[in-house]
Amino acid sequence: MFSKNFFDTPLGLNQLIAYELYVTYGLYQREIAEYLNCSNNTVANYVRKISNYKHLKDFKLVVIAKNDHIQEALQIINSRS
């Protein structure tokens, strides 16, 4: 079940960041896992779970609302390269 409030939690935000960095920006799961301090499998699970919501209008609004967090993560990962 989709809940916008879930993405205000640390777990929800991490799942959203993992999904966006992997799907939209094409980063490797390894890079995302290092940033989130988790395993590659965890990133894969996050992406799989969140992909169930990609067709929802509310999900797109959440992505827009959390874009600052996503961009910050992207900058940090890119600065490590």
N, C-alpha and C. Protein backbone atom coordinates (compact mmCIF):
# COMPACT_ATOMS: atom_id res chain seq x y z
N MET A 1 0.84 -1.18 0.00
CA MET A 1 0.00 0.00 0.00
C MET A 1 0.89 1.25 0.00
N PHE A 2 0.55 2.20 -0.84
CA PHE A 2 1.33 3.42 -0.98
C PHE A 2 0.93 4.44 0.08
N SER A 3 1.93 4.98 0.76
CA SER A 3 1.70 6.02 1.76
C SER A 3 2.77 7.09 1.59
N LYS A 4 2.34 8.30 1.32
CA LYS A 4 3.29 9.41 1.15
C LYS A 4 4.11 9.62 2.42
N ASN A 5 3.50 9.42 3.57
CA ASN A 5 4.19 9.63 4.84
C ASN A 5 5.37 8.68 5.04
N PHE A 6 5.32 7.51 4.41
CA PHE A 6 6.42 6.56 4.53
C PHE A 6 7.73 7.18 4.05
N PHE A 7 7.67 8.03 3.04
CA PHE A 7 8.88 8.61 2.47
C PHE A 7 9.45 9.74 3.32
N ASP A 8 8.79 10.05 4.42
CA ASP A 8 9.33 11.00 5.40
C ASP A 8 10.18 10.28 6.45
N THR A 9 10.15 8.95 6.45
CA THR A 9 10.95 8.17 7.39
C THR A 9 12.33 7.92 6.77
N PRO A 10 13.34 7.64 7.59
CA PRO A 10 14.67 7.35 7.04
C PRO A 10 14.66 6.17 6.06
N LEU A 11 13.93 5.10 6.40
CA LEU A 11 13.87 3.94 5.52
C LEU A 11 13.21 4.30 4.19
N GLY A 12 12.10 5.00 4.26
CA GLY A 12 11.39 5.40 3.05
C GLY A 12 12.23 6.30 2.16
N LEU A 13 12.93 7.24 2.78
CA LEU A 13 13.78 8.15 2.02
C LEU A 13 14.93 7.39 1.37
N ASN A 14 15.53 6.46 2.09
CA ASN A 14 16.61 5.64 1.52
C ASN A 14 16.11 4.82 0.34
N GLN A 15 14.92 4.26 0.45
CA GLN A 15 14.37 3.48 -0.65
C GLN A 15 14.13 4.36 -1.87
N LEU A 16 13.61 5.55 -1.64
CA LEU A 16 13.35 6.47 -2.75
C LEU A 16 14.66 6.92 -3.40
N ILE A 17 15.65 7.25 -2.59
CA ILE A 17 16.95 7.65 -3.12
C ILE A 17 17.56 6.52 -3.94
N ALA A 18 17.53 5.31 -3.41
CA ALA A 18 18.08 4.16 -4.13
C ALA A 18 17.38 3.98 -5.47
N TYR A 19 16.07 4.05 -5.45
CA TYR A 19 15.30 3.88 -6.69
C TYR A 19 15.66 4.94 -7.72
N GLU A 20 15.64 6.18 -7.31
CA GLU A 20 15.91 7.28 -8.25
C GLU A 20 17.33 7.23 -8.78
N LEU A 21 18.30 7.00 -7.92
CA LEU A 21 19.69 6.96 -8.36
C LEU A 21 19.94 5.80 -9.32
N TYR A 22 19.28 4.70 -9.09
CA TYR A 22 19.47 3.53 -9.95
C TYR A 22 18.69 3.66 -11.26
N VAL A 23 17.43 4.00 -11.18
CA VAL A 23 16.57 4.01 -12.37
C VAL A 23 16.75 5.28 -13.19
N THR A 24 16.71 6.42 -12.55
CA THR A 24 16.75 7.69 -13.27
C THR A 24 18.16 8.10 -13.66
N TYR A 25 19.11 7.91 -12.76
CA TYR A 25 20.48 8.39 -12.99
C TYR A 25 21.45 7.29 -13.41
N GLY A 26 21.02 6.04 -13.37
CA GLY A 26 21.81 4.94 -13.88
C GLY A 26 23.06 4.60 -13.09
N LEU A 27 23.06 4.92 -11.80
CA LEU A 27 24.21 4.57 -10.97
C LEU A 27 24.20 3.07 -10.69
N TYR A 28 25.37 2.54 -10.38
CA TYR A 28 25.48 1.13 -10.02
C TYR A 28 24.96 0.91 -8.60
N GLN A 29 24.42 -0.29 -8.38
CA GLN A 29 23.93 -0.62 -7.05
C GLN A 29 25.04 -0.54 -6.02
N ARG A 30 26.25 -0.90 -6.41
CA ARG A 30 27.40 -0.83 -5.51
C ARG A 30 27.64 0.59 -5.02
N GLU A 31 27.56 1.57 -5.92
CA GLU A 31 27.76 2.98 -5.55
C GLU A 31 26.68 3.45 -4.57
N ILE A 32 25.46 3.07 -4.86
CA ILE A 32 24.33 3.46 -4.02
C ILE A 32 24.45 2.79 -2.65
N ALA A 33 24.84 1.52 -2.65
CA ALA A 33 24.99 0.77 -1.39
C ALA A 33 26.06 1.40 -0.51
N GLU A 34 27.15 1.83 -1.11
CA GLU A 34 28.21 2.49 -0.34
C GLU A 34 27.69 3.77 0.28
N TYR A 35 26.93 4.54 -0.47
CA TYR A 35 26.37 5.79 0.05
C TYR A 35 25.39 5.53 1.19
N LEU A 36 24.52 4.53 1.01
CA LEU A 36 23.50 4.23 2.02
C LEU A 36 24.01 3.34 3.15
N ASN A 37 25.25 2.88 3.01
CA ASN A 37 25.86 1.99 4.00
C ASN A 37 25.03 0.71 4.18
N CYS A 38 24.77 0.06 3.05
CA CYS A 38 24.02 -1.19 3.06
C CYS A 38 24.61 -2.09 1.98
N SER A 39 24.00 -3.24 1.76
CA SER A 39 24.50 -4.18 0.75
C SER A 39 23.87 -3.91 -0.61
N ASN A 40 24.49 -4.47 -1.65
CA ASN A 40 23.92 -4.37 -3.00
C ASN A 40 22.54 -5.01 -3.04
N ASN A 41 22.38 -6.12 -2.32
CA ASN A 41 21.08 -6.80 -2.30
C ASN A 41 19.99 -5.92 -1.69
N THR A 42 20.35 -5.17 -0.68
CA THR A 42 19.39 -4.26 -0.06
C THR A 42 18.95 -3.20 -1.07
N VAL A 43 19.89 -2.66 -1.81
CA VAL A 43 19.55 -1.68 -2.85
C VAL A 43 18.63 -2.31 -3.87
N ALA A 44 18.93 -3.52 -4.30
CA ALA A 44 18.08 -4.22 -5.27
C ALA A 44 16.66 -4.40 -4.73
N ASN A 45 16.56 -4.74 -3.44
CA ASN A 45 15.24 -4.90 -2.83
C ASN A 45 14.49 -3.57 -2.76
N TYR A 46 15.21 -2.51 -2.41
CA TYR A 46 14.59 -1.17 -2.37
C TYR A 46 14.03 -0.81 -3.74
N VAL A 47 14.83 -1.01 -4.77
CA VAL A 47 14.41 -0.65 -6.13
C VAL A 47 13.19 -1.47 -6.54
N ARG A 48 13.23 -2.75 -6.24
CA ARG A 48 12.10 -3.62 -6.60
C ARG A 48 10.82 -3.19 -5.90
N LYS A 49 10.91 -2.88 -4.61
CA LYS A 49 9.73 -2.46 -3.85
C LYS A 49 9.15 -1.15 -4.38
N ILE A 50 10.01 -0.19 -4.61
CA ILE A 50 9.55 1.13 -5.02
C ILE A 50 9.03 1.11 -6.46
N SER A 51 9.55 0.24 -7.29
CA SER A 51 9.10 0.20 -8.69
C SER A 51 7.61 -0.15 -8.80
N ASN A 52 7.05 -0.72 -7.75
CA ASN A 52 5.61 -1.01 -7.75
C ASN A 52 4.78 0.27 -7.75
N TYR A 53 5.37 1.40 -7.38
CA TYR A 53 4.63 2.65 -7.27
C TYR A 53 4.92 3.63 -8.39
N LYS A 54 5.81 3.28 -9.32
CA LYS A 54 6.27 4.23 -10.31
C LYS A 54 5.16 4.79 -11.20
N HIS A 55 4.07 4.09 -11.33
CA HIS A 55 2.97 4.54 -12.19
C HIS A 55 2.01 5.50 -11.49
N LEU A 56 2.15 5.68 -10.19
CA LEU A 56 1.22 6.50 -9.42
C LEU A 56 1.58 7.98 -9.50
N LYS A 57 0.56 8.80 -9.66
CA LYS A 57 0.76 10.25 -9.69
C LYS A 57 1.34 10.75 -8.37
N ASP A 58 0.83 10.22 -7.26
CA ASP A 58 1.32 10.63 -5.94
C ASP A 58 2.80 10.29 -5.76
N PHE A 59 3.25 9.17 -6.35
CA PHE A 59 4.65 8.82 -6.26
C PHE A 59 5.51 9.87 -6.97
N LYS A 60 5.07 10.30 -8.11
CA LYS A 60 5.81 11.33 -8.85
C LYS A 60 5.89 12.63 -8.05
N LEU A 61 4.84 12.93 -7.31
CA LEU A 61 4.84 14.13 -6.47
C LEU A 61 5.83 13.98 -5.31
N VAL A 62 5.94 12.78 -4.77
CA VAL A 62 6.90 12.51 -3.70
C VAL A 62 8.32 12.68 -4.22
N VAL A 63 8.58 12.17 -5.42
CA VAL A 63 9.91 12.30 -6.01
C VAL A 63 10.27 13.77 -6.17
N ILE A 64 9.34 14.57 -6.63
CA ILE A 64 9.58 16.00 -6.79
C ILE A 64 9.85 16.65 -5.43
N ALA A 65 9.07 16.27 -4.44
CA ALA A 65 9.23 16.85 -3.10
C ALA A 65 10.56 16.47 -2.46
N LYS A 66 11.06 15.30 -2.76
CA LYS A 66 12.32 14.81 -2.17
C LYS A 66 13.52 15.02 -3.08
N ASN A 67 13.36 15.79 -4.14
CA ASN A 67 14.43 15.96 -5.12
C ASN A 67 15.70 16.53 -4.50
N ASP A 68 15.60 17.40 -3.52
CA ASP A 68 16.80 17.96 -2.89
C ASP A 68 17.65 16.86 -2.26
N HIS A 69 17.00 15.90 -1.61
CA HIS A 69 17.72 14.78 -0.99
C HIS A 69 18.39 13.91 -2.06
N ILE A 70 17.68 13.70 -3.15
CA ILE A 70 18.20 12.88 -4.24
C ILE A 70 19.41 13.55 -4.87
N GLN A 71 19.31 14.85 -5.12
CA GLN A 71 20.42 15.59 -5.73
C GLN A 71 21.64 15.64 -4.81
N GLU A 72 21.39 15.78 -3.52
CA GLU A 72 22.49 15.78 -2.55
C GLU A 72 23.23 14.44 -2.58
N ALA A 73 22.47 13.34 -2.59
CA ALA A 73 23.08 12.01 -2.65
C ALA A 73 23.87 11.85 -3.95
N LEU A 74 23.32 12.32 -5.04
CA LEU A 74 24.00 12.23 -6.33
C LEU A 74 25.31 12.99 -6.31
N GLN A 75 25.31 14.18 -5.74
CA GLN A 75 26.54 14.98 -5.66
C GLN A 75 27.60 14.29 -4.81
N ILE A 76 27.18 13.74 -3.69
CA ILE A 76 28.14 13.06 -2.80
C ILE A 76 28.74 11.85 -3.50
N ILE A 77 27.92 11.06 -4.16
CA ILE A 77 28.42 9.88 -4.85
C ILE A 77 29.37 10.29 -5.98
N ASN A 78 28.99 11.30 -6.74
CA ASN A 78 29.83 11.75 -7.85
C ASN A 78 31.15 12.35 -7.37
N SER A 79 31.14 12.96 -6.20
CA SER A 79 32.38 13.54 -5.68
C SER A 79 33.38 12.47 -5.22
N ARG A 80 32.89 11.28 -4.94
CA ARG A 80 33.75 10.17 -4.52
C ARG A 80 34.48 9.54 -5.70
N SER A 81 33.96 9.75 -6.88
CA SER A 81 34.55 9.11 -8.08
C SER A 81 35.84 9.74 -8.49
